[in-house]
Amino acid sequence: MPTTIKTPGRIHRFDRAIGDVVFHRLASERSPGLITGIYLTPDAAGYYVTWSDRMETRHYECELTSEYVPDYAGE
């Protein structure tokens, strides 16, 4: 379900929601991650994703997909 966050003078729309399962487009492993947060900075917006190794990293929308795509990983 899309998420909308309003800040002064701007509306941010996110196609993914907290709790969605995603894959990193460029990762060679098929390990899914879980969206655990949304971040906003003056210059960017994106998602916090927690991976199976319990590491949380920040990602832009274009880096994530809801399905594993072998072509992106060079397979």
N, C-alpha and C. Protein backbone atom coordinates (compact mmCIF):
# COMPACT_ATOMS: atom_id res chain seq x y z
N MET A 1 0.83 -1.16 0.00
CA MET A 1 0.00 0.00 0.00
C MET A 1 0.90 1.25 0.00
N PRO A 2 0.67 2.18 -0.90
CA PRO A 2 1.48 3.39 -0.96
C PRO A 2 1.36 4.21 0.33
N THR A 3 2.42 4.89 0.67
CA THR A 3 2.47 5.74 1.85
C THR A 3 2.71 7.17 1.42
N THR A 4 2.01 8.11 2.03
CA THR A 4 2.20 9.52 1.74
C THR A 4 2.59 10.24 3.02
N ILE A 5 3.65 11.05 2.93
CA ILE A 5 4.10 11.85 4.06
C ILE A 5 4.11 13.30 3.62
N LYS A 6 3.43 14.15 4.38
CA LYS A 6 3.38 15.58 4.07
C LYS A 6 4.38 16.32 4.95
N THR A 7 5.22 17.13 4.32
CA THR A 7 6.13 18.01 5.04
C THR A 7 5.82 19.43 4.56
N PRO A 8 6.28 20.44 5.25
CA PRO A 8 5.97 21.81 4.81
C PRO A 8 6.40 22.04 3.36
N GLY A 9 5.43 22.34 2.51
CA GLY A 9 5.72 22.65 1.12
C GLY A 9 5.94 21.47 0.20
N ARG A 10 5.75 20.25 0.69
CA ARG A 10 6.03 19.09 -0.16
C ARG A 10 5.24 17.85 0.29
N ILE A 11 4.90 17.01 -0.68
CA ILE A 11 4.24 15.74 -0.40
C ILE A 11 5.14 14.63 -0.94
N HIS A 12 5.50 13.69 -0.09
CA HIS A 12 6.36 12.57 -0.48
C HIS A 12 5.49 11.32 -0.62
N ARG A 13 5.56 10.66 -1.76
CA ARG A 13 4.80 9.43 -1.99
C ARG A 13 5.77 8.25 -2.08
N PHE A 14 5.48 7.21 -1.34
CA PHE A 14 6.30 6.01 -1.33
C PHE A 14 5.46 4.85 -1.82
N ASP A 15 5.99 4.07 -2.76
CA ASP A 15 5.25 2.94 -3.32
C ASP A 15 5.27 1.71 -2.41
N ARG A 16 6.20 1.68 -1.49
CA ARG A 16 6.33 0.54 -0.58
C ARG A 16 5.97 0.98 0.83
N ALA A 17 5.69 0.00 1.68
CA ALA A 17 5.30 0.31 3.06
C ALA A 17 6.18 -0.47 4.04
N ILE A 18 6.19 -0.02 5.27
CA ILE A 18 6.91 -0.74 6.31
C ILE A 18 6.32 -2.14 6.42
N GLY A 19 7.20 -3.14 6.43
CA GLY A 19 6.76 -4.53 6.49
C GLY A 19 6.82 -5.24 5.15
N ASP A 20 7.00 -4.49 4.05
CA ASP A 20 7.11 -5.13 2.73
C ASP A 20 8.42 -5.89 2.61
N VAL A 21 8.38 -7.03 1.94
CA VAL A 21 9.57 -7.84 1.68
C VAL A 21 10.14 -7.42 0.33
N VAL A 22 11.45 -7.16 0.28
CA VAL A 22 12.10 -6.69 -0.94
C VAL A 22 13.43 -7.41 -1.17
N PHE A 23 13.93 -7.28 -2.39
CA PHE A 23 15.26 -7.77 -2.76
C PHE A 23 16.06 -6.58 -3.28
N HIS A 24 17.36 -6.62 -3.08
CA HIS A 24 18.25 -5.60 -3.64
C HIS A 24 18.53 -5.98 -5.08
N ARG A 25 18.33 -5.06 -5.99
CA ARG A 25 18.47 -5.35 -7.43
C ARG A 25 19.87 -5.83 -7.82
N LEU A 26 20.90 -5.35 -7.14
CA LEU A 26 22.27 -5.67 -7.55
C LEU A 26 22.94 -6.74 -6.70
N ALA A 27 22.28 -7.23 -5.68
CA ALA A 27 22.88 -8.24 -4.81
C ALA A 27 22.87 -9.60 -5.49
N SER A 28 23.94 -10.33 -5.35
CA SER A 28 24.03 -11.65 -5.99
C SER A 28 23.33 -12.73 -5.18
N GLU A 29 23.08 -12.48 -3.91
CA GLU A 29 22.39 -13.48 -3.10
C GLU A 29 20.88 -13.26 -3.16
N ARG A 30 20.13 -14.32 -2.94
CA ARG A 30 18.67 -14.25 -3.04
C ARG A 30 18.01 -13.97 -1.70
N SER A 31 18.70 -13.35 -0.82
CA SER A 31 18.21 -13.10 0.52
C SER A 31 17.25 -11.90 0.54
N PRO A 32 16.02 -12.10 0.99
CA PRO A 32 15.09 -10.97 1.05
C PRO A 32 15.36 -10.08 2.25
N GLY A 33 14.90 -8.86 2.15
CA GLY A 33 14.98 -7.92 3.26
C GLY A 33 13.60 -7.42 3.61
N LEU A 34 13.48 -6.80 4.77
CA LEU A 34 12.21 -6.28 5.24
C LEU A 34 12.33 -4.78 5.42
N ILE A 35 11.40 -4.03 4.83
CA ILE A 35 11.41 -2.58 5.01
C ILE A 35 11.00 -2.29 6.45
N THR A 36 11.90 -1.62 7.17
CA THR A 36 11.66 -1.34 8.58
C THR A 36 11.47 0.14 8.87
N GLY A 37 11.64 0.98 7.86
CA GLY A 37 11.45 2.41 8.08
C GLY A 37 11.54 3.20 6.79
N ILE A 38 11.15 4.45 6.89
CA ILE A 38 11.22 5.40 5.78
C ILE A 38 12.04 6.58 6.27
N TYR A 39 12.94 7.09 5.44
CA TYR A 39 13.73 8.25 5.86
C TYR A 39 13.50 9.42 4.90
N LEU A 40 13.59 10.60 5.44
CA LEU A 40 13.51 11.84 4.67
C LEU A 40 14.66 12.73 5.08
N THR A 41 15.37 13.27 4.10
CA THR A 41 16.39 14.27 4.35
C THR A 41 16.07 15.45 3.43
N PRO A 42 16.74 16.58 3.57
CA PRO A 42 16.46 17.69 2.67
C PRO A 42 16.73 17.35 1.19
N ASP A 43 17.60 16.38 0.93
CA ASP A 43 17.99 16.06 -0.45
C ASP A 43 17.46 14.72 -0.96
N ALA A 44 16.97 13.87 -0.09
CA ALA A 44 16.61 12.52 -0.54
C ALA A 44 15.53 11.90 0.34
N ALA A 45 14.98 10.81 -0.17
CA ALA A 45 14.00 10.03 0.58
C ALA A 45 14.19 8.57 0.19
N GLY A 46 13.93 7.68 1.10
CA GLY A 46 14.09 6.27 0.79
C GLY A 46 13.64 5.39 1.93
N TYR A 47 14.19 4.18 1.95
CA TYR A 47 13.75 3.15 2.89
C TYR A 47 14.91 2.61 3.71
N TYR A 48 14.61 2.24 4.95
CA TYR A 48 15.52 1.44 5.75
C TYR A 48 15.11 -0.01 5.53
N VAL A 49 16.09 -0.86 5.20
CA VAL A 49 15.81 -2.28 4.97
C VAL A 49 16.70 -3.10 5.89
N THR A 50 16.09 -4.06 6.59
CA THR A 50 16.85 -4.97 7.43
C THR A 50 16.97 -6.30 6.69
N TRP A 51 18.21 -6.76 6.53
CA TRP A 51 18.50 -7.97 5.76
C TRP A 51 18.65 -9.16 6.70
N SER A 52 18.77 -10.35 6.16
CA SER A 52 18.81 -11.58 6.95
C SER A 52 20.00 -11.64 7.91
N ASP A 53 21.06 -10.89 7.61
CA ASP A 53 22.21 -10.86 8.52
C ASP A 53 22.03 -9.82 9.63
N ARG A 54 20.80 -9.30 9.76
CA ARG A 54 20.40 -8.32 10.78
C ARG A 54 21.03 -6.95 10.57
N MET A 55 21.53 -6.69 9.40
CA MET A 55 22.12 -5.40 9.09
C MET A 55 21.06 -4.50 8.46
N GLU A 56 20.93 -3.29 8.97
CA GLU A 56 19.96 -2.35 8.41
C GLU A 56 20.70 -1.33 7.54
N THR A 57 20.22 -1.15 6.31
CA THR A 57 20.86 -0.23 5.38
C THR A 57 19.79 0.66 4.74
N ARG A 58 20.23 1.82 4.21
CA ARG A 58 19.32 2.75 3.54
C ARG A 58 19.36 2.53 2.04
N HIS A 59 18.18 2.63 1.40
CA HIS A 59 18.10 2.41 -0.04
C HIS A 59 17.09 3.33 -0.68
N TYR A 60 17.38 3.72 -1.92
CA TYR A 60 16.42 4.45 -2.74
C TYR A 60 15.46 3.45 -3.37
N GLU A 61 14.30 3.93 -3.78
CA GLU A 61 13.28 3.09 -4.42
C GLU A 61 13.85 2.30 -5.59
N CYS A 62 14.68 2.94 -6.43
CA CYS A 62 15.19 2.29 -7.64
C CYS A 62 16.12 1.10 -7.35
N GLU A 63 16.61 0.97 -6.12
CA GLU A 63 17.51 -0.13 -5.76
C GLU A 63 16.77 -1.39 -5.33
N LEU A 64 15.46 -1.28 -5.13
CA LEU A 64 14.70 -2.40 -4.55
C LEU A 64 13.67 -2.95 -5.53
N THR A 65 13.38 -4.23 -5.38
CA THR A 65 12.34 -4.88 -6.16
C THR A 65 11.61 -5.87 -5.26
N SER A 66 10.36 -6.16 -5.58
CA SER A 66 9.60 -7.08 -4.75
C SER A 66 9.82 -8.54 -5.15
N GLU A 67 10.50 -8.76 -6.28
CA GLU A 67 10.82 -10.11 -6.74
C GLU A 67 12.31 -10.20 -7.02
N TYR A 68 12.89 -11.37 -6.82
CA TYR A 68 14.29 -11.56 -7.17
C TYR A 68 14.41 -11.61 -8.68
N VAL A 69 15.30 -10.77 -9.23
CA VAL A 69 15.48 -10.70 -10.68
C VAL A 69 16.91 -11.10 -11.01
N PRO A 70 17.13 -12.34 -11.51
CA PRO A 70 18.49 -12.82 -11.78
C PRO A 70 19.28 -11.93 -12.74
N ASP A 71 18.64 -11.31 -13.70
CA ASP A 71 19.35 -10.48 -14.68
C ASP A 71 20.11 -9.34 -14.03
N TYR A 72 19.57 -8.76 -12.98
CA TYR A 72 20.25 -7.65 -12.30
C TYR A 72 21.49 -8.14 -11.57
N ALA A 73 21.48 -9.37 -11.12
CA ALA A 73 22.59 -9.91 -10.35
C ALA A 73 23.67 -10.54 -11.22
N GLY A 74 23.51 -10.47 -12.53
CA GLY A 74 24.52 -10.99 -13.42
C GLY A 74 24.44 -12.49 -13.63
N GLU A 75 23.31 -13.09 -13.38
CA GLU A 75 23.18 -14.54 -13.56
C GLU A 75 22.73 -14.85 -14.97
